[in-house]
Protein backbone atom coordinates (compact mmCIF):
# COMPACT_ATOMS: atom_id res chain seq x y z
CA MET A 1 0.00 0.00 0.00
CA GLU A 2 1.41 3.37 -0.98
CA ASN A 3 1.82 6.00 1.71
CA ASP A 4 1.07 9.71 1.48
CA ASP A 5 1.68 12.36 4.06
CA TYR A 6 -1.45 13.32 5.93
CA ALA A 7 -1.90 16.83 4.61
CA PRO A 8 -5.54 17.71 3.90
CA LYS A 9 -5.90 21.19 2.43
CA ASN A 10 -9.64 21.76 2.14
CA MET A 11 -12.96 19.99 1.76
CA LYS A 12 -13.17 20.17 -2.04
CA ALA A 13 -12.35 16.50 -2.66
CA PHE A 14 -14.75 15.45 0.09
CA PHE A 15 -17.58 17.47 -1.47
CA ILE A 16 -16.93 15.91 -4.89
CA ILE A 17 -17.07 12.38 -3.49
CA TRP A 18 -20.02 13.16 -1.24
CA ILE A 19 -22.12 14.56 -4.10
CA GLY A 20 -21.33 11.56 -6.29
CA GLN A 21 -22.19 9.13 -3.53
CA LEU A 22 -25.38 11.02 -2.64
CA ILE A 23 -26.65 10.85 -6.22
CA SER A 24 -25.83 7.15 -6.40
CA ILE A 25 -27.49 6.37 -3.05
CA ILE A 26 -30.64 8.22 -4.07
CA GLY A 27 -30.67 6.16 -7.27
CA SER A 28 -30.34 2.94 -5.28
CA GLY A 29 -33.12 4.13 -2.99
CA LEU A 30 -35.37 4.63 -6.01
CA THR A 31 -34.76 1.04 -7.09
CA GLY A 32 -35.35 -0.24 -3.55
CA PHE A 33 -38.66 1.64 -3.41
CA GLY A 34 -39.71 0.38 -6.82
CA LEU A 35 -38.76 -3.23 -6.08
CA SER A 36 -40.70 -3.10 -2.80
CA ILE A 37 -43.82 -2.09 -4.75
CA TRP A 38 -43.14 -4.87 -7.25
CA ILE A 39 -42.72 -7.48 -4.47
CA TYR A 40 -46.06 -6.53 -2.92
CA SER A 41 -47.80 -6.54 -6.29
CA GLN A 42 -46.51 -10.06 -6.89
CA THR A 43 -47.06 -11.57 -3.43
CA GLY A 44 -49.51 -9.38 -1.51
CA LYS A 45 -47.71 -10.40 1.69
CA ALA A 46 -45.51 -8.69 4.29
CA THR A 47 -43.10 -11.58 4.87
CA PRO A 48 -41.07 -10.92 1.69
CA PHE A 49 -40.40 -7.39 2.97
CA ALA A 50 -38.95 -8.78 6.20
CA LEU A 51 -36.85 -11.30 4.29
CA ASN A 52 -35.56 -8.59 1.97
CA ALA A 53 -34.59 -6.46 4.98
CA LEU A 54 -32.79 -9.47 6.45
CA PHE A 55 -30.80 -10.02 3.26
CA PHE A 56 -29.83 -6.34 3.39
CA SER A 57 -28.65 -6.47 7.01
CA LEU A 58 -26.84 -9.81 7.20
CA PRO A 59 -23.85 -8.99 4.94
CA ARG A 60 -23.21 -5.74 6.83
CA ILE A 61 -23.12 -7.65 10.11
CA LEU A 62 -21.05 -10.62 8.92
CA LEU A 63 -18.64 -8.91 6.52
CA SER A 64 -17.79 -5.73 8.44
CA PRO A 65 -14.56 -7.10 10.01
CA ALA A 66 -13.27 -8.38 6.66
CA ALA A 67 -14.26 -5.13 4.94
CA GLY A 68 -12.45 -3.08 7.56
CA SER A 69 -9.32 -5.18 7.15
CA ILE A 70 -9.35 -4.69 3.38
CA ALA A 71 -9.91 -0.93 3.77
CA ASP A 72 -6.70 -0.73 5.84
CA ARG A 73 -4.66 -3.01 3.58
CA TYR A 74 -5.40 -1.65 0.13
CA ASN A 75 -5.98 1.59 -1.73
CA ARG A 76 -9.29 2.94 -0.42
CA ARG A 77 -10.16 4.86 -3.57
CA ARG A 78 -9.80 1.70 -5.65
CA ILE A 79 -11.91 -0.27 -3.20
CA MET A 80 -14.70 2.29 -3.51
CA ILE A 81 -14.49 2.29 -7.32
CA LEU A 82 -14.59 -1.52 -7.45
CA ALA A 83 -17.48 -1.70 -4.97
CA ASP A 84 -19.52 0.91 -6.85
CA SER A 85 -18.75 -0.79 -10.18
CA ALA A 86 -19.86 -4.18 -8.85
CA ALA A 87 -23.05 -2.64 -7.44
CA ALA A 88 -23.71 -1.04 -10.84
CA LEU A 89 -23.35 -4.43 -12.55
CA THR A 90 -25.80 -5.90 -10.03
CA THR A 91 -28.30 -3.19 -10.93
CA LEU A 92 -27.68 -3.88 -14.62
CA GLY A 93 -28.42 -7.54 -13.96
CA ALA A 94 -31.71 -6.56 -12.35
CA ALA A 95 -32.56 -4.46 -15.40
CA ILE A 96 -31.83 -7.37 -17.76
CA LEU A 97 -34.05 -9.72 -15.74
CA LEU A 98 -36.79 -7.10 -15.67
CA PHE A 99 -36.71 -6.30 -19.39
CA SER A 100 -36.62 -10.00 -20.29
CA GLY A 101 -39.62 -10.71 -18.08
CA ASN A 102 -37.71 -13.22 -15.95
CA LEU A 103 -37.52 -11.29 -12.67
CA CYS A 104 -38.62 -13.37 -9.67
CA VAL A 105 -38.91 -12.55 -5.97
CA TRP A 106 -35.85 -14.65 -5.13
CA HIS A 107 -33.89 -12.62 -7.68
CA ILE A 108 -34.65 -9.51 -5.62
CA TYR A 109 -33.36 -11.23 -2.49
CA LEU A 110 -30.14 -12.03 -4.35
CA ILE A 111 -29.85 -8.51 -5.76
CA THR A 112 -30.38 -7.02 -2.30
CA PHE A 113 -27.83 -9.40 -0.78
CA LEU A 114 -25.15 -8.64 -3.39
CA SER A 115 -25.73 -4.90 -3.15
CA ALA A 116 -25.33 -5.12 0.62
CA VAL A 117 -22.11 -7.11 0.20
CA PHE A 118 -20.59 -4.44 -2.03
CA GLY A 119 -21.86 -1.70 0.26
CA SER A 120 -20.21 -3.45 3.20
CA PHE A 121 -16.82 -3.01 1.53
CA GLN A 122 -17.49 0.48 0.21
CA GLU A 123 -18.62 2.02 3.51
CA PRO A 124 -15.48 1.52 5.68
CA ALA A 125 -13.24 2.65 2.83
CA TYR A 126 -15.37 5.78 2.42
CA GLN A 127 -15.52 6.61 6.13
CA ALA A 128 -11.80 6.04 6.64
CA SER A 129 -11.02 8.24 3.61
CA ILE A 130 -12.80 11.25 5.09
CA THR A 131 -10.08 11.66 7.71
CA MET A 132 -7.51 11.91 4.92
CA LEU A 133 -9.49 14.51 2.97
CA VAL A 134 -10.99 16.84 5.56
CA PRO A 135 -9.04 19.20 7.82
CA LYS A 136 -9.19 18.17 11.45
CA LYS A 137 -11.11 21.31 12.44
CA ASP A 138 -13.83 20.49 9.86
CA LEU A 139 -14.46 16.83 10.70
CA ALA A 140 -17.68 17.59 12.58
CA ARG A 141 -18.84 19.77 9.67
CA ALA A 142 -18.20 16.87 7.30
CA GLY A 143 -20.23 14.63 9.61
CA GLY A 144 -23.08 17.13 9.58
CA ILE A 145 -23.01 17.28 5.79
CA GLN A 146 -23.25 13.50 5.67
CA GLN A 147 -26.24 13.65 8.00
CA MET A 148 -27.83 16.22 5.68
CA GLY A 149 -27.37 13.74 2.86
CA GLY A 150 -29.18 11.08 4.85
CA ALA A 151 -32.04 13.47 5.50
CA ALA A 152 -32.23 14.44 1.83
CA GLN A 153 -32.49 10.77 0.92
CA SER A 154 -35.36 10.19 3.34
CA ILE A 155 -37.26 13.17 1.92
CA LEU A 156 -36.46 12.87 -1.79
CA ILE A 157 -36.57 9.12 -2.36
CA PRO A 158 -40.30 8.56 -1.60
CA ILE A 159 -41.28 11.64 -3.62
CA LEU A 160 -39.06 10.92 -6.64
CA ALA A 161 -39.74 7.19 -6.60
CA GLY A 162 -43.49 7.68 -6.54
CA MET A 163 -43.35 10.15 -9.43
CA LEU A 164 -40.91 8.14 -11.55
CA TYR A 165 -42.65 4.83 -10.92
CA ALA A 166 -45.90 6.31 -12.16
CA VAL A 167 -44.31 7.89 -15.26
CA ILE A 168 -41.57 5.49 -16.43
CA GLY A 169 -42.34 2.34 -14.44
CA LEU A 170 -39.93 0.03 -12.64
CA ARG A 171 -37.81 -0.50 -15.74
CA GLY A 172 -37.14 3.19 -16.06
CA VAL A 173 -36.42 3.53 -12.34
CA VAL A 174 -33.79 0.77 -12.48
CA LEU A 175 -32.13 2.38 -15.49
CA VAL A 176 -32.01 5.72 -13.66
CA ASP A 177 -30.35 3.93 -10.75
CA PHE A 178 -27.76 2.39 -13.09
CA ALA A 179 -26.98 5.81 -14.54
CA THR A 180 -26.39 7.32 -11.08
CA PHE A 181 -23.47 4.98 -10.46
CA PHE A 182 -21.52 6.88 -13.11
CA PHE A 183 -21.71 9.96 -10.90
CA ALA A 184 -20.25 8.07 -7.94
CA ILE A 185 -17.50 6.40 -9.97
CA GLY A 186 -16.77 9.55 -11.95
CA ALA A 187 -16.39 11.58 -8.75
CA LEU A 188 -13.87 9.06 -7.42
CA LEU A 189 -11.90 9.18 -10.67
CA LEU A 190 -11.63 12.97 -10.35
CA VAL A 191 -10.02 13.06 -6.90
CA HIS A 192 -6.95 11.74 -5.15
CA ILE A 193 -7.40 10.16 -1.72
CA PRO A 194 -4.13 10.10 0.24
CA GLN A 195 -3.19 6.78 1.82
CA PRO A 196 -2.20 7.05 5.50
CA LYS A 197 1.22 6.15 6.81
CA ARG A 198 1.15 2.89 8.71
CA THR A 199 1.61 3.30 12.43
CA THR A 200 0.73 -0.32 13.20
CA GLN A 201 1.45 -3.68 11.67
CA VAL A 202 -1.19 -5.76 9.96
CA ALA A 203 -0.98 -9.50 9.62
CA SER A 204 0.75 -10.79 6.54
CA GLU A 205 -1.54 -10.97 3.53
CA GLY A 206 -0.49 -14.58 3.05
CA GLN A 207 -1.75 -15.76 6.40
CA LYS A 208 -5.03 -17.66 6.26
CA ASP A 209 -6.26 -16.09 9.48
CA SER A 210 -5.00 -12.58 8.75
CA MET A 211 -8.44 -10.99 8.43
CA TRP A 212 -9.56 -12.68 11.63
CA ARG A 213 -6.46 -11.25 13.29
CA ASP A 214 -7.35 -7.84 11.93
CA ALA A 215 -10.86 -8.12 13.35
CA VAL A 216 -9.43 -9.10 16.73
CA PHE A 217 -7.00 -6.21 16.46
CA GLY A 218 -9.86 -3.73 15.99
CA TRP A 219 -11.70 -5.18 18.99
CA ASN A 220 -8.59 -5.19 21.19
CA TYR A 221 -7.76 -1.63 20.16
CA LEU A 222 -11.08 -0.50 21.60
CA ARG A 223 -10.83 -2.71 24.68
CA GLU A 224 -7.49 -1.07 25.51
CA ARG A 225 -9.11 2.36 25.40
CA PRO A 226 -12.00 2.33 27.89
CA GLY A 227 -13.28 5.74 26.78
CA LEU A 228 -13.82 4.66 23.17
CA PHE A 229 -15.05 1.23 24.26
CA GLY A 230 -17.62 2.85 26.55
CA LEU A 231 -18.69 5.21 23.74
CA LEU A 232 -19.15 2.18 21.45
CA TRP A 233 -21.56 0.50 23.88
CA TYR A 234 -23.29 3.76 24.74
CA TYR A 235 -24.25 4.09 21.10
CA ALA A 236 -25.27 0.43 21.00
CA VAL A 237 -27.79 1.11 23.80
CA VAL A 238 -28.93 4.33 22.11
CA ASN A 239 -29.45 2.53 18.79
CA PHE A 240 -31.44 -0.18 20.54
CA PHE A 241 -33.95 2.18 22.15
CA LEU A 242 -34.17 4.48 19.13
CA SER A 243 -34.91 1.47 16.92
CA LEU A 244 -37.21 -0.20 19.46
CA SER A 245 -39.64 2.70 19.38
CA GLY A 246 -38.80 4.19 16.00
CA VAL A 247 -39.98 1.11 14.12
CA LEU A 248 -43.39 1.48 15.82
CA LEU A 249 -44.04 5.05 14.68
CA GLY A 250 -46.44 3.80 11.98
CA PRO A 251 -48.54 1.61 14.30
CA LEU A 252 -48.56 4.39 16.92
CA ILE A 253 -50.07 6.94 14.52
CA LEU A 254 -52.31 4.53 12.64
CA SER A 255 -53.87 3.42 15.94
CA PHE A 256 -55.82 6.70 15.90
CA GLY A 257 -54.89 8.56 12.70
CA THR A 258 -54.52 8.17 8.95
CA GLU A 259 -51.79 7.43 6.44
CA VAL A 260 -51.66 11.15 5.65
CA GLU A 261 -50.90 11.95 9.29
CA LEU A 262 -48.18 9.27 9.27
CA GLY A 263 -46.70 11.00 6.24
CA ILE A 264 -46.79 14.32 8.09
CA ALA A 265 -44.84 12.84 11.02
CA ARG A 266 -42.27 11.26 8.71
CA MET A 267 -41.85 14.55 6.84
CA ALA A 268 -41.31 16.32 10.18
CA GLY A 269 -38.60 13.80 11.00
CA GLY A 270 -36.94 14.20 7.62
CA ALA A 271 -37.03 17.99 7.92
CA ALA A 272 -35.54 17.76 11.42
CA MET A 273 -32.65 15.61 10.16
CA LEU A 274 -32.01 18.11 7.40
CA VAL A 275 -32.05 21.08 9.79
CA GLY A 276 -29.92 19.28 12.38
CA GLY A 277 -27.37 18.29 9.76
CA LEU A 278 -27.37 21.84 8.39
CA VAL A 279 -26.78 23.29 11.86
CA VAL A 280 -23.77 21.12 12.67
CA GLY A 281 -22.55 21.22 9.06
CA SER A 282 -22.36 25.02 9.11
CA TRP A 283 -21.40 25.43 12.76
CA GLY A 284 -18.91 22.59 13.07
CA GLY A 285 -19.78 21.91 16.70
CA PRO A 286 -17.73 22.77 19.77
CA LYS A 287 -13.98 22.67 19.32
CA ARG A 288 -13.45 21.16 22.75
CA ARG A 289 -15.39 18.59 24.77
CA ARG A 290 -17.28 17.29 21.77
CA ILE A 291 -18.12 14.18 23.76
CA TRP A 292 -20.16 16.34 26.14
CA GLY A 293 -22.12 17.55 23.13
CA VAL A 294 -22.69 13.94 22.03
CA ILE A 295 -24.20 12.97 25.39
CA VAL A 296 -26.26 16.15 25.82
CA ALA A 297 -27.68 15.85 22.29
CA ILE A 298 -28.76 12.24 22.93
CA ALA A 299 -30.37 13.25 26.23
CA LEU A 300 -32.27 16.08 24.53
CA SER A 301 -33.38 13.81 21.70
CA SER A 302 -34.97 11.46 24.24
CA LEU A 303 -37.39 14.24 25.20
CA GLY A 304 -38.93 13.84 21.75
CA TYR A 305 -39.93 10.25 22.49
CA LEU A 306 -41.35 11.40 25.81
CA LEU A 307 -43.49 13.97 24.00
CA ALA A 308 -44.55 11.52 21.29
CA GLY A 309 -45.72 8.92 23.81
CA LEU A 310 -47.79 11.13 26.07
CA ARG A 311 -50.80 11.80 23.86
CA ALA A 312 -52.57 10.23 20.88
CA SER A 313 -52.08 13.46 18.93
CA ILE A 314 -50.46 13.87 15.54
CA TYR A 315 -49.18 17.29 16.61
CA ALA A 316 -47.46 15.89 19.72
CA ILE A 317 -46.00 12.94 17.80
CA ALA A 318 -44.79 15.05 14.87
CA ALA A 319 -43.21 17.53 17.30
CA GLY A 320 -41.60 14.65 19.19
CA GLU A 321 -40.26 13.14 15.96
CA PHE A 322 -38.81 16.53 15.05
CA VAL A 323 -37.04 16.82 18.42
CA VAL A 324 -35.58 13.30 18.19
CA LEU A 325 -34.31 13.64 14.64
CA PHE A 326 -33.01 17.17 15.10
CA PHE A 327 -30.56 16.19 17.82
CA ILE A 328 -29.54 12.75 16.49
CA PRO A 329 -27.60 14.12 13.46
CA ILE A 330 -25.81 16.58 15.74
CA SER A 331 -24.81 13.81 18.13
CA ALA A 332 -23.77 11.51 15.26
CA ALA A 333 -21.62 14.18 13.58
CA LEU A 334 -19.83 15.09 16.82
CA SER A 335 -19.31 11.43 17.69
CA GLN A 336 -17.88 10.69 14.25
CA ALA A 337 -15.45 13.61 14.62
CA VAL A 338 -14.26 12.21 17.96
CA TRP A 339 -13.62 8.78 16.45
CA GLN A 340 -11.85 10.23 13.41
CA THR A 341 -9.64 12.38 15.62
CA LYS A 342 -8.70 9.69 18.12
CA VAL A 343 -8.18 6.65 15.86
CA PRO A 344 -5.08 6.62 13.59
CA PRO A 345 -6.09 6.87 9.91
CA ASP A 346 -4.30 3.66 8.90
CA ILE A 347 -6.41 1.48 11.25
CA GLN A 348 -9.75 3.28 10.95
CA GLY A 349 -11.06 0.62 8.57
CA ARG A 350 -10.62 -2.12 11.17
CA VAL A 351 -11.80 -0.07 14.13
CA PHE A 352 -14.76 1.52 12.35
CA SER A 353 -15.85 -1.89 11.06
CA ILE A 354 -16.25 -3.06 14.66
CA ARG A 355 -18.47 -0.03 15.28
CA ALA A 356 -20.51 -0.84 12.18
CA MET A 357 -20.88 -4.50 13.11
CA VAL A 358 -22.18 -3.65 16.58
CA ALA A 359 -24.59 -1.03 15.20
CA TRP A 360 -25.97 -3.28 12.46
CA SER A 361 -26.40 -6.12 14.97
CA ILE A 362 -28.35 -4.00 17.44
CA ILE A 363 -30.91 -2.55 15.03
CA PRO A 364 -32.50 -5.80 13.74
CA THR A 365 -32.48 -7.14 17.29
CA ALA A 366 -34.51 -4.15 18.46
CA ASN A 367 -36.84 -4.45 15.49
CA LEU A 368 -37.50 -8.12 16.24
CA VAL A 369 -38.22 -7.38 19.91
CA ALA A 370 -40.44 -4.35 19.27
CA GLY A 371 -43.44 -6.11 17.72
CA PRO A 372 -43.93 -8.89 20.28
CA LEU A 373 -43.22 -6.49 23.16
CA ALA A 374 -45.91 -4.11 21.91
CA ASP A 375 -48.51 -6.74 21.00
CA ARG A 376 -48.11 -9.16 23.91
CA VAL A 377 -47.00 -6.95 26.79
CA CYS A 378 -47.49 -3.20 26.50
CA GLU A 379 -50.75 -3.04 24.55
CA PRO A 380 -52.53 -5.45 26.95
CA LEU A 381 -51.21 -3.43 29.91
CA MET A 382 -52.76 -0.22 28.57
CA ALA A 383 -55.96 -1.72 27.17
CA GLU A 384 -59.30 -0.87 28.78
CA GLY A 385 -59.26 -2.90 31.99
CA GLY A 386 -55.55 -3.66 31.59
CA ALA A 387 -53.15 -3.92 34.50
CA LEU A 388 -52.04 -0.29 34.17
CA ALA A 389 -55.32 1.20 32.95
CA ASP A 390 -56.46 2.42 36.37
CA THR A 391 -53.03 3.52 37.59
CA LEU A 392 -51.27 6.89 37.42
CA VAL A 393 -49.73 5.78 34.11
CA GLY A 394 -53.17 5.19 32.61
CA SER A 395 -54.46 8.53 33.82
CA ILE A 396 -51.51 10.36 32.24
CA ILE A 397 -51.19 8.71 28.82
CA GLY A 398 -54.68 7.26 28.44
CA THR A 399 -55.86 3.78 27.59
CA GLY A 400 -56.93 1.90 24.50
CA THR A 401 -55.35 0.92 21.20
CA GLY A 402 -51.92 2.43 20.66
CA ARG A 403 -51.38 3.53 24.25
CA GLY A 404 -49.14 0.53 24.91
CA ILE A 405 -46.90 1.71 22.08
CA GLY A 406 -47.00 5.18 23.61
CA LEU A 407 -45.78 3.58 26.86
CA MET A 408 -42.88 2.03 24.94
CA PHE A 409 -41.93 5.46 23.57
CA ILE A 410 -41.93 6.92 27.08
CA THR A 411 -39.96 3.96 28.45
CA SER A 412 -37.37 4.35 25.71
CA ALA A 413 -37.06 8.05 26.57
CA ILE A 414 -36.50 7.25 30.24
CA PHE A 415 -33.85 4.63 29.47
CA LEU A 416 -32.07 6.99 27.06
CA LEU A 417 -31.99 9.70 29.73
CA ILE A 418 -30.74 7.30 32.41
CA THR A 419 -28.11 5.82 30.10
CA SER A 420 -26.89 9.30 29.12
CA LEU A 421 -26.63 10.28 32.78
CA VAL A 422 -24.70 7.11 33.63
CA VAL A 423 -22.31 7.63 30.73
CA PHE A 424 -21.78 11.27 31.65
CA THR A 425 -20.82 10.24 35.19
CA SER A 426 -18.21 7.85 33.74
CA PRO A 427 -14.91 9.79 33.73
CA ARG A 428 -13.37 7.48 31.12
CA VAL A 429 -16.01 8.37 28.53
CA ARG A 430 -16.63 11.97 29.62
CA ASN A 431 -12.91 12.80 29.55
CA LEU A 432 -11.78 10.58 26.68
CA GLU A 433 -10.78 13.60 24.59
CA GLU A 434 -8.23 14.55 27.25
CA GLU A 435 -7.13 10.99 28.11
CA ILE A 436 -6.62 9.73 24.55
CA PRO A 437 -4.15 11.80 22.49
CA ASP A 438 -5.21 12.94 19.04
CA ALA A 439 -4.18 10.52 16.30
CA ILE A 440 -4.01 13.21 13.60
CA PRO A 441 -2.18 16.53 13.72
CA ASP A 442 -3.76 19.94 13.65
CA GLU A 443 -3.65 21.91 10.47
CA PRO A 444 -0.95 24.61 10.39
CA GLY A 445 -2.09 27.56 12.46
CA GLN A 446 -4.86 25.68 14.26
CA GLY A 447 -3.40 25.92 17.73
CA GLU A 448 -2.19 22.64 19.13
CA SER A 449 1.15 21.27 18.16
CA ALA A 450 1.06 18.58 15.53
CA THR A 451 3.58 16.62 17.56
CA ARG A 452 0.78 15.68 19.93
CA SER A 453 -0.25 12.93 17.54
CA GLU A 454 3.11 11.26 17.99
CA ALA A 455 2.22 10.51 21.60
CA LEU A 456 -0.24 7.82 20.54
CA VAL A 457 1.34 4.47 21.27
CA SER A 458 0.48 1.71 18.83
CA PRO A 459 -1.47 -1.07 20.51
CA SER A 460 0.31 -4.35 20.99
């Protein structure tokens, strides 16, 4: 692997790659939306949706360690180009099956699985490249811009997909998706992504267990740094409770409202993500004690779930959704900046892949738990005559259909607040920015001496 000095000048290259990736991801989202409509039109059942989601999640859980190892071993720009090219060919294969009239439901499972495989390798290479492109002082801004991209996807994809599907059909949507890959690949061909100098040793490429060793290395690196390890599991708990209630937003609103009101709440959430990403993208976040901002933003976001669960009101739920999804992008951007600053660039692929594996494992677990917990426990508790119907809880949030889900939202808010308080009282997490030296130097004229990064001792 070639080495370049870490010397980011500005965010131009990052913007070029980000725009290309954003266009490509929106295109893929259009295909995903169109294929979901096609699946339902062919089967009329919900199970295929769950299976398709499973095929999307599994590769990201199972392949993250290997993908992180490859991102640290080889040229990250080439990895991204190869991954995007392979994903484009997968989309082309879907188009061929569709135009020939041979597309089957199991083909969609395979297409989803392969796309997730290639995405599993593209993501760590992309995230690890950002540190090499963006000045240290602008890492939180870059994180905010990425969050804005996520918000734009959630807003634009349903609107564009619905319009395009009606006008040009699924065939046209898939071809549009294929065309968007040229933006992603073209953007990567226009820029140079510096390769980091190696500060640690990786296992020999010839060893059969080298990628396993790399995965263990990423895990051990975090275990040896209690602040980062605690932050990892803090976010695991946060993801669990956000997903536990977030997946039930539809049933919560539809228990008393309409599909239009559900759309209003989702639009409020998308707008909040966009505004939150814009705020941190333009502001850049605090220059010191970013970890405090991470914890405070999570705590404030939990108040949104508290508001959403209290009343069967679209206004309360939409306002709660706005609060949650305004603060989450801010917390995510600040957290990402902390990780990028504290982890050496040449091992970010391995370390970040451990983060991704934990995150992707937690979300489907929460989604699987949410339904049975709502249907078999919480809804019966809050039903008319239920165990909690005549208690203080029942008098505050009401009883009847959907109030059990409201109780789950409130419970999630309480656990998020308690977890944030516990983490804030942990000195290893709260003070990790002071305890763990920066792994990348400041830009010239940015204050701290660049020699501070040399103090980071490579893990054994």
